[in-house]
Amino acid sequence: MNGYVSLKKTGSCKVFDFSSNEIEVLEPFSKKLYDICMDVLDLRHNEIKELDEFQHLKELNIRQILLKGNPCCTIAKFEEK
């Protein structure tokens, strides 16, 4: 993680911006953000490879997660044998 994190509050909307931080695992978020109500968790352009990582966020109060630019968002192309 490169250390850049921002909290943007527009009206009652809270946006936690963790974009472009080379994040690979989400387990630390489950403990640190547990009691926080947020509208958007911005995880764009990180290094999240496995969709299973999002199990760590299931107990959090999040309305939207932004994921564009993560390896888990690419669709695998399978060749016929």
C-alpha atoms as a PDB file:
ATOM      1  CA  MET A   1       0.000   0.000   0.000  1.00  0.00           C
ATOM      2  CA  ASN A   2       1.484   3.339  -0.996  1.00  0.00           C
ATOM      3  CA  GLY A   3      -0.115   5.217   1.883  1.00  0.00           C
ATOM      4  CA  TYR A   4      -2.585   7.363  -0.045  1.00  0.00           C
ATOM      5  CA  VAL A   5      -6.049   7.159   1.470  1.00  0.00           C
ATOM      6  CA  SER A   6      -8.735   9.810   1.491  1.00  0.00           C
ATOM      7  CA  LEU A   7     -12.155  10.303   3.007  1.00  0.00           C
ATOM      8  CA  LYS A   8     -14.501  12.447   0.991  1.00  0.00           C
ATOM      9  CA  LYS A   9     -17.765  13.600   2.484  1.00  0.00           C
ATOM     10  CA  THR A  10     -20.302  15.102   0.139  1.00  0.00           C
ATOM     11  CA  GLY A  11     -23.466  15.825   2.058  1.00  0.00           C
ATOM     12  CA  SER A  12     -24.242  12.652   3.973  1.00  0.00           C
ATOM     13  CA  CYS A  13     -22.307  10.450   1.512  1.00  0.00           C
ATOM     14  CA  LYS A  14     -19.008   9.027   2.792  1.00  0.00           C
ATOM     15  CA  VAL A  15     -16.476   7.821   0.242  1.00  0.00           C
ATOM     16  CA  PHE A  16     -13.394   5.918   1.412  1.00  0.00           C
ATOM     17  CA  ASP A  17     -10.822   6.149  -1.363  1.00  0.00           C
ATOM     18  CA  PHE A  18      -8.207   3.373  -1.275  1.00  0.00           C
ATOM     19  CA  SER A  19      -7.660   3.434  -5.044  1.00  0.00           C
ATOM     20  CA  SER A  20      -4.203   2.874  -6.562  1.00  0.00           C
ATOM     21  CA  ASN A  21      -2.626   1.474  -3.379  1.00  0.00           C
ATOM     22  CA  GLU A  22      -1.459  -1.964  -4.599  1.00  0.00           C
ATOM     23  CA  ILE A  23      -3.901  -3.655  -2.174  1.00  0.00           C
ATOM     24  CA  GLU A  24      -3.987  -7.447  -2.582  1.00  0.00           C
ATOM     25  CA  VAL A  25      -5.921  -8.637   0.491  1.00  0.00           C
ATOM     26  CA  LEU A  26      -9.033  -7.250   2.164  1.00  0.00           C
ATOM     27  CA  GLU A  27      -8.959  -8.943   5.584  1.00  0.00           C
ATOM     28  CA  PRO A  28      -7.529  -5.846   7.368  1.00  0.00           C
ATOM     29  CA  PHE A  29     -10.568  -3.845   6.222  1.00  0.00           C
ATOM     30  CA  SER A  30     -12.969  -6.170   8.045  1.00  0.00           C
ATOM     31  CA  LYS A  31     -11.570  -5.135  11.426  1.00  0.00           C
ATOM     32  CA  LYS A  32     -10.646  -1.504  10.859  1.00  0.00           C
ATOM     33  CA  LEU A  33     -13.870  -0.408   9.136  1.00  0.00           C
ATOM     34  CA  TYR A  34     -16.334  -2.572  11.086  1.00  0.00           C
ATOM     35  CA  ASP A  35     -18.269   0.204  12.878  1.00  0.00           C
ATOM     36  CA  ILE A  36     -18.186   2.708  10.038  1.00  0.00           C
ATOM     37  CA  CYS A  37     -21.158   3.315   7.750  1.00  0.00           C
ATOM     38  CA  MET A  38     -19.938   4.213   4.276  1.00  0.00           C
ATOM     39  CA  ASP A  39     -21.619   4.780   0.969  1.00  0.00           C
ATOM     40  CA  VAL A  40     -18.656   3.979  -1.290  1.00  0.00           C
ATOM     41  CA  LEU A  41     -15.469   1.963  -0.796  1.00  0.00           C
ATOM     42  CA  ASP A  42     -13.205   2.807  -3.725  1.00  0.00           C
ATOM     43  CA  LEU A  43     -10.761  -0.040  -4.383  1.00  0.00           C
ATOM     44  CA  ARG A  44     -10.123   0.748  -8.065  1.00  0.00           C
ATOM     45  CA  HIS A  45      -6.712   0.083  -9.609  1.00  0.00           C
ATOM     46  CA  ASN A  46      -5.301  -2.203  -6.926  1.00  0.00           C
ATOM     47  CA  GLU A  47      -4.009  -5.788  -7.107  1.00  0.00           C
ATOM     48  CA  ILE A  48      -7.020  -7.781  -5.844  1.00  0.00           C
ATOM     49  CA  LYS A  49      -6.858 -11.083  -7.730  1.00  0.00           C
ATOM     50  CA  GLU A  50      -9.365 -13.354  -6.000  1.00  0.00           C
ATOM     51  CA  LEU A  51     -13.097 -12.733  -5.626  1.00  0.00           C
ATOM     52  CA  ASP A  52     -12.933 -14.703  -2.368  1.00  0.00           C
ATOM     53  CA  GLU A  53     -11.241 -11.661  -0.820  1.00  0.00           C
ATOM     54  CA  PHE A  54     -14.636  -9.935  -0.716  1.00  0.00           C
ATOM     55  CA  GLN A  55     -15.862 -12.407   1.914  1.00  0.00           C
ATOM     56  CA  HIS A  56     -13.917 -10.269   4.390  1.00  0.00           C
ATOM     57  CA  LEU A  57     -16.208  -7.317   3.647  1.00  0.00           C
ATOM     58  CA  LYS A  58     -19.564  -9.077   4.005  1.00  0.00           C
ATOM     59  CA  GLU A  59     -20.189  -7.787   7.547  1.00  0.00           C
ATOM     60  CA  LEU A  60     -19.383  -4.163   6.693  1.00  0.00           C
ATOM     61  CA  ASN A  61     -22.013  -1.512   6.074  1.00  0.00           C
ATOM     62  CA  ILE A  62     -21.110  -0.536   2.488  1.00  0.00           C
ATOM     63  CA  ARG A  63     -23.505   0.517  -0.256  1.00  0.00           C
ATOM     64  CA  GLN A  64     -21.109   0.364  -3.207  1.00  0.00           C
ATOM     65  CA  ILE A  65     -17.630  -1.032  -3.893  1.00  0.00           C
ATOM     66  CA  LEU A  66     -15.688   0.245  -6.914  1.00  0.00           C
ATOM     67  CA  LEU A  67     -13.350  -2.392  -8.391  1.00  0.00           C
ATOM     68  CA  LYS A  68     -12.373  -1.346 -11.920  1.00  0.00           C
ATOM     69  CA  GLY A  69      -8.726  -2.001 -12.731  1.00  0.00           C
ATOM     70  CA  ASN A  70      -8.221  -5.002 -10.431  1.00  0.00           C
ATOM     71  CA  PRO A  71      -7.112  -8.402 -11.771  1.00  0.00           C
ATOM     72  CA  CYS A  72     -10.293  -9.985 -10.325  1.00  0.00           C
ATOM     73  CA  CYS A  73     -12.317  -7.941 -12.824  1.00  0.00           C
ATOM     74  CA  THR A  74     -10.782  -9.472 -15.942  1.00  0.00           C
ATOM     75  CA  ILE A  75     -12.751 -12.212 -17.654  1.00  0.00           C
ATOM     76  CA  ALA A  76     -10.756 -15.367 -18.288  1.00  0.00           C
ATOM     77  CA  LYS A  77     -10.868 -16.694 -21.841  1.00  0.00           C
ATOM     78  CA  PHE A  78     -10.866 -20.473 -22.030  1.00  0.00           C
ATOM     79  CA  GLU A  79      -9.559 -22.289 -25.034  1.00  0.00           C
ATOM     80  CA  GLU A  80     -11.329 -25.385 -26.320  1.00  0.00           C
ATOM     81  CA  LYS A  81      -9.174 -28.488 -26.297  1.00  0.00           C
END
